[in-house]
Amino acid sequence: NVHLLERWLGRLEELLENTDSDAHPNYRVFLSGEPSPSPHEHLIPRTILENALKLTTEPPTGMNSSLHAALDNFTQ
């Protein structure tokens, strides 16, 4: 939960940059975090975000219409 370790994120960024060249090709770092209240208050360093695969559990804005479109593919 990186949102709980704001002071340590700079050090984490350095560690990941230094480990990058020596790491095994299958090496992965898994991080979790809560969304920031506003875009101006994000905590995670830009280099970590730019090099990360991001997953979310929040429904997209058009979730309702997408769900209806998917369900239209099925018959009763």
N, C-alpha and C. Protein backbone atom coordinates (compact mmCIF):
# COMPACT_ATOMS: atom_id res chain seq x y z
N ASN A 1 0.84 -1.17 0.00
CA ASN A 1 0.00 0.00 0.00
C ASN A 1 0.89 1.24 0.00
N VAL A 2 1.28 1.66 -1.18
CA VAL A 2 2.23 2.76 -1.28
C VAL A 2 1.66 4.09 -0.79
N HIS A 3 0.35 4.23 -0.76
CA HIS A 3 -0.22 5.48 -0.27
C HIS A 3 0.04 5.69 1.22
N LEU A 4 0.42 4.63 1.93
CA LEU A 4 0.71 4.74 3.36
C LEU A 4 2.17 5.07 3.63
N LEU A 5 3.02 5.02 2.62
CA LEU A 5 4.46 5.21 2.80
C LEU A 5 4.99 6.38 1.99
N GLU A 6 4.34 7.51 2.08
CA GLU A 6 4.69 8.66 1.25
C GLU A 6 6.16 9.05 1.39
N ARG A 7 6.70 9.05 2.61
CA ARG A 7 8.09 9.47 2.82
C ARG A 7 9.08 8.50 2.21
N TRP A 8 8.70 7.25 2.02
CA TRP A 8 9.61 6.21 1.55
C TRP A 8 9.59 6.05 0.03
N LEU A 9 8.67 6.68 -0.66
CA LEU A 9 8.52 6.47 -2.10
C LEU A 9 9.73 6.93 -2.90
N GLY A 10 10.40 7.98 -2.47
CA GLY A 10 11.62 8.42 -3.16
C GLY A 10 12.70 7.36 -3.10
N ARG A 11 12.86 6.74 -1.95
CA ARG A 11 13.85 5.66 -1.79
C ARG A 11 13.45 4.45 -2.62
N LEU A 12 12.17 4.13 -2.66
CA LEU A 12 11.70 3.02 -3.48
C LEU A 12 12.03 3.27 -4.95
N GLU A 13 11.84 4.49 -5.40
CA GLU A 13 12.16 4.84 -6.78
C GLU A 13 13.64 4.59 -7.07
N GLU A 14 14.52 5.00 -6.17
CA GLU A 14 15.96 4.78 -6.33
C GLU A 14 16.29 3.29 -6.37
N LEU A 15 15.69 2.52 -5.46
CA LEU A 15 15.95 1.07 -5.41
C LEU A 15 15.53 0.40 -6.71
N LEU A 16 14.37 0.77 -7.24
CA LEU A 16 13.90 0.16 -8.48
C LEU A 16 14.79 0.53 -9.66
N GLU A 17 15.27 1.76 -9.71
CA GLU A 17 16.17 2.17 -10.79
C GLU A 17 17.50 1.43 -10.72
N ASN A 18 18.03 1.24 -9.51
CA ASN A 18 19.32 0.55 -9.35
C ASN A 18 19.19 -0.95 -9.60
N THR A 19 18.05 -1.53 -9.34
CA THR A 19 17.84 -2.96 -9.50
C THR A 19 17.54 -3.32 -10.95
N ASP A 20 17.12 -2.37 -11.72
CA ASP A 20 16.64 -2.61 -13.09
C ASP A 20 17.66 -3.34 -13.95
N SER A 21 18.91 -2.95 -13.93
CA SER A 21 19.90 -3.55 -14.83
C SER A 21 20.34 -4.94 -14.39
N ASP A 22 20.28 -5.23 -13.10
CA ASP A 22 20.76 -6.52 -12.59
C ASP A 22 19.65 -7.53 -12.34
N ALA A 23 18.42 -7.16 -12.55
CA ALA A 23 17.29 -8.02 -12.18
C ALA A 23 17.08 -9.14 -13.18
N HIS A 24 16.54 -10.23 -12.69
CA HIS A 24 16.14 -11.36 -13.53
C HIS A 24 15.00 -10.90 -14.44
N PRO A 25 14.90 -11.40 -15.68
CA PRO A 25 13.83 -10.96 -16.59
C PRO A 25 12.42 -11.21 -16.06
N ASN A 26 12.25 -12.18 -15.16
CA ASN A 26 10.93 -12.47 -14.60
C ASN A 26 10.66 -11.74 -13.28
N TYR A 27 11.56 -10.88 -12.87
CA TYR A 27 11.40 -10.13 -11.61
C TYR A 27 10.26 -9.12 -11.76
N ARG A 28 9.37 -9.10 -10.78
CA ARG A 28 8.24 -8.17 -10.78
C ARG A 28 8.08 -7.57 -9.39
N VAL A 29 7.63 -6.35 -9.33
CA VAL A 29 7.30 -5.69 -8.07
C VAL A 29 5.82 -5.36 -8.14
N PHE A 30 5.08 -5.80 -7.14
CA PHE A 30 3.65 -5.53 -7.09
C PHE A 30 3.38 -4.49 -6.02
N LEU A 31 2.72 -3.41 -6.40
CA LEU A 31 2.37 -2.33 -5.49
C LEU A 31 0.87 -2.13 -5.53
N SER A 32 0.33 -1.69 -4.43
CA SER A 32 -1.09 -1.32 -4.42
C SER A 32 -1.21 0.06 -3.79
N GLY A 33 -2.27 0.74 -4.14
CA GLY A 33 -2.47 2.07 -3.60
C GLY A 33 -3.89 2.54 -3.81
N GLU A 34 -4.25 3.53 -3.04
CA GLU A 34 -5.57 4.14 -3.19
C GLU A 34 -5.45 5.34 -4.13
N PRO A 35 -6.51 5.67 -4.84
CA PRO A 35 -6.45 6.84 -5.70
C PRO A 35 -6.31 8.11 -4.88
N SER A 36 -5.60 9.09 -5.44
CA SER A 36 -5.44 10.36 -4.74
C SER A 36 -6.72 11.18 -4.85
N PRO A 37 -6.96 12.06 -3.88
CA PRO A 37 -8.18 12.87 -3.92
C PRO A 37 -8.26 13.76 -5.16
N SER A 38 -7.11 14.22 -5.66
CA SER A 38 -7.09 15.04 -6.87
C SER A 38 -5.80 14.77 -7.62
N PRO A 39 -5.74 15.07 -8.91
CA PRO A 39 -4.52 14.82 -9.69
C PRO A 39 -3.30 15.57 -9.15
N HIS A 40 -3.51 16.67 -8.48
CA HIS A 40 -2.39 17.47 -7.96
C HIS A 40 -1.81 16.88 -6.68
N GLU A 41 -2.49 15.92 -6.09
CA GLU A 41 -2.05 15.35 -4.82
C GLU A 41 -1.52 13.93 -4.95
N HIS A 42 -1.20 13.47 -6.17
CA HIS A 42 -0.72 12.10 -6.30
C HIS A 42 0.65 11.96 -5.63
N LEU A 43 0.92 10.79 -5.09
CA LEU A 43 2.11 10.55 -4.28
C LEU A 43 3.17 9.73 -5.00
N ILE A 44 2.77 8.86 -5.89
CA ILE A 44 3.69 7.92 -6.51
C ILE A 44 4.57 8.66 -7.51
N PRO A 45 5.89 8.48 -7.43
CA PRO A 45 6.79 9.17 -8.36
C PRO A 45 6.47 8.85 -9.82
N ARG A 46 6.68 9.83 -10.68
CA ARG A 46 6.35 9.71 -12.09
C ARG A 46 7.07 8.54 -12.77
N THR A 47 8.34 8.30 -12.44
CA THR A 47 9.07 7.22 -13.10
C THR A 47 8.46 5.85 -12.79
N ILE A 48 7.96 5.68 -11.57
CA ILE A 48 7.31 4.41 -11.22
C ILE A 48 6.02 4.27 -12.01
N LEU A 49 5.24 5.32 -12.10
CA LEU A 49 3.98 5.26 -12.84
C LEU A 49 4.20 5.03 -14.32
N GLU A 50 5.22 5.66 -14.90
CA GLU A 50 5.47 5.53 -16.33
C GLU A 50 5.93 4.13 -16.71
N ASN A 51 6.58 3.43 -15.80
CA ASN A 51 7.10 2.10 -16.10
C ASN A 51 6.24 0.97 -15.54
N ALA A 52 5.05 1.30 -15.11
CA ALA A 52 4.19 0.31 -14.45
C ALA A 52 3.03 -0.11 -15.35
N LEU A 53 2.59 -1.31 -15.12
CA LEU A 53 1.34 -1.79 -15.68
C LEU A 53 0.29 -1.52 -14.62
N LYS A 54 -0.71 -0.73 -14.96
CA LYS A 54 -1.69 -0.30 -13.97
C LYS A 54 -3.00 -1.06 -14.13
N LEU A 55 -3.52 -1.53 -13.03
CA LEU A 55 -4.81 -2.22 -12.99
C LEU A 55 -5.70 -1.46 -12.03
N THR A 56 -6.98 -1.50 -12.27
CA THR A 56 -7.91 -0.80 -11.40
C THR A 56 -9.13 -1.66 -11.14
N THR A 57 -9.75 -1.46 -10.00
CA THR A 57 -10.99 -2.16 -9.69
C THR A 57 -12.17 -1.20 -9.74
N GLU A 58 -11.91 0.03 -10.13
CA GLU A 58 -12.99 1.01 -10.25
C GLU A 58 -13.70 0.84 -11.58
N PRO A 59 -15.01 0.89 -11.60
CA PRO A 59 -15.72 0.74 -12.87
C PRO A 59 -15.46 1.96 -13.77
N PRO A 60 -15.31 1.73 -15.07
CA PRO A 60 -15.13 2.86 -15.98
C PRO A 60 -16.39 3.71 -16.04
N THR A 61 -16.23 4.91 -16.58
CA THR A 61 -17.34 5.86 -16.64
C THR A 61 -18.54 5.31 -17.38
N GLY A 62 -18.33 4.64 -18.50
CA GLY A 62 -19.42 4.13 -19.30
C GLY A 62 -19.78 2.70 -18.98
N MET A 63 -19.63 2.30 -17.75
CA MET A 63 -19.85 0.91 -17.36
C MET A 63 -21.28 0.45 -17.65
N ASN A 64 -22.27 1.27 -17.38
CA ASN A 64 -23.65 0.88 -17.57
C ASN A 64 -23.94 0.58 -19.04
N SER A 65 -23.52 1.46 -19.94
CA SER A 65 -23.77 1.23 -21.36
C SER A 65 -22.97 0.04 -21.88
N SER A 66 -21.75 -0.15 -21.39
CA SER A 66 -20.93 -1.29 -21.81
C SER A 66 -21.56 -2.61 -21.37
N LEU A 67 -22.11 -2.62 -20.17
CA LEU A 67 -22.76 -3.82 -19.66
C LEU A 67 -23.99 -4.16 -20.49
N HIS A 68 -24.78 -3.16 -20.83
CA HIS A 68 -25.95 -3.40 -21.67
C HIS A 68 -25.55 -3.90 -23.05
N ALA A 69 -24.49 -3.35 -23.62
CA ALA A 69 -24.01 -3.81 -24.94
C ALA A 69 -23.55 -5.26 -24.87
N ALA A 70 -22.87 -5.64 -23.79
CA ALA A 70 -22.41 -7.02 -23.64
C ALA A 70 -23.59 -7.98 -23.47
N LEU A 71 -24.58 -7.58 -22.67
CA LEU A 71 -25.73 -8.44 -22.44
C LEU A 71 -26.60 -8.60 -23.68
N ASP A 72 -26.57 -7.64 -24.60
CA ASP A 72 -27.34 -7.74 -25.84
C ASP A 72 -26.85 -8.88 -26.73
N ASN A 73 -25.63 -9.39 -26.46
CA ASN A 73 -25.09 -10.50 -27.25
C ASN A 73 -25.71 -11.84 -26.87
N PHE A 74 -26.45 -11.90 -25.77
CA PHE A 74 -27.03 -13.14 -25.29
C PHE A 74 -28.55 -13.15 -25.53
N THR A 75 -29.06 -14.34 -25.75
CA THR A 75 -30.52 -14.48 -25.89
C THR A 75 -31.07 -15.03 -24.57
N GLN A 76 -32.38 -14.90 -24.39
CA GLN A 76 -32.99 -15.41 -23.16
C GLN A 76 -32.89 -16.91 -23.16
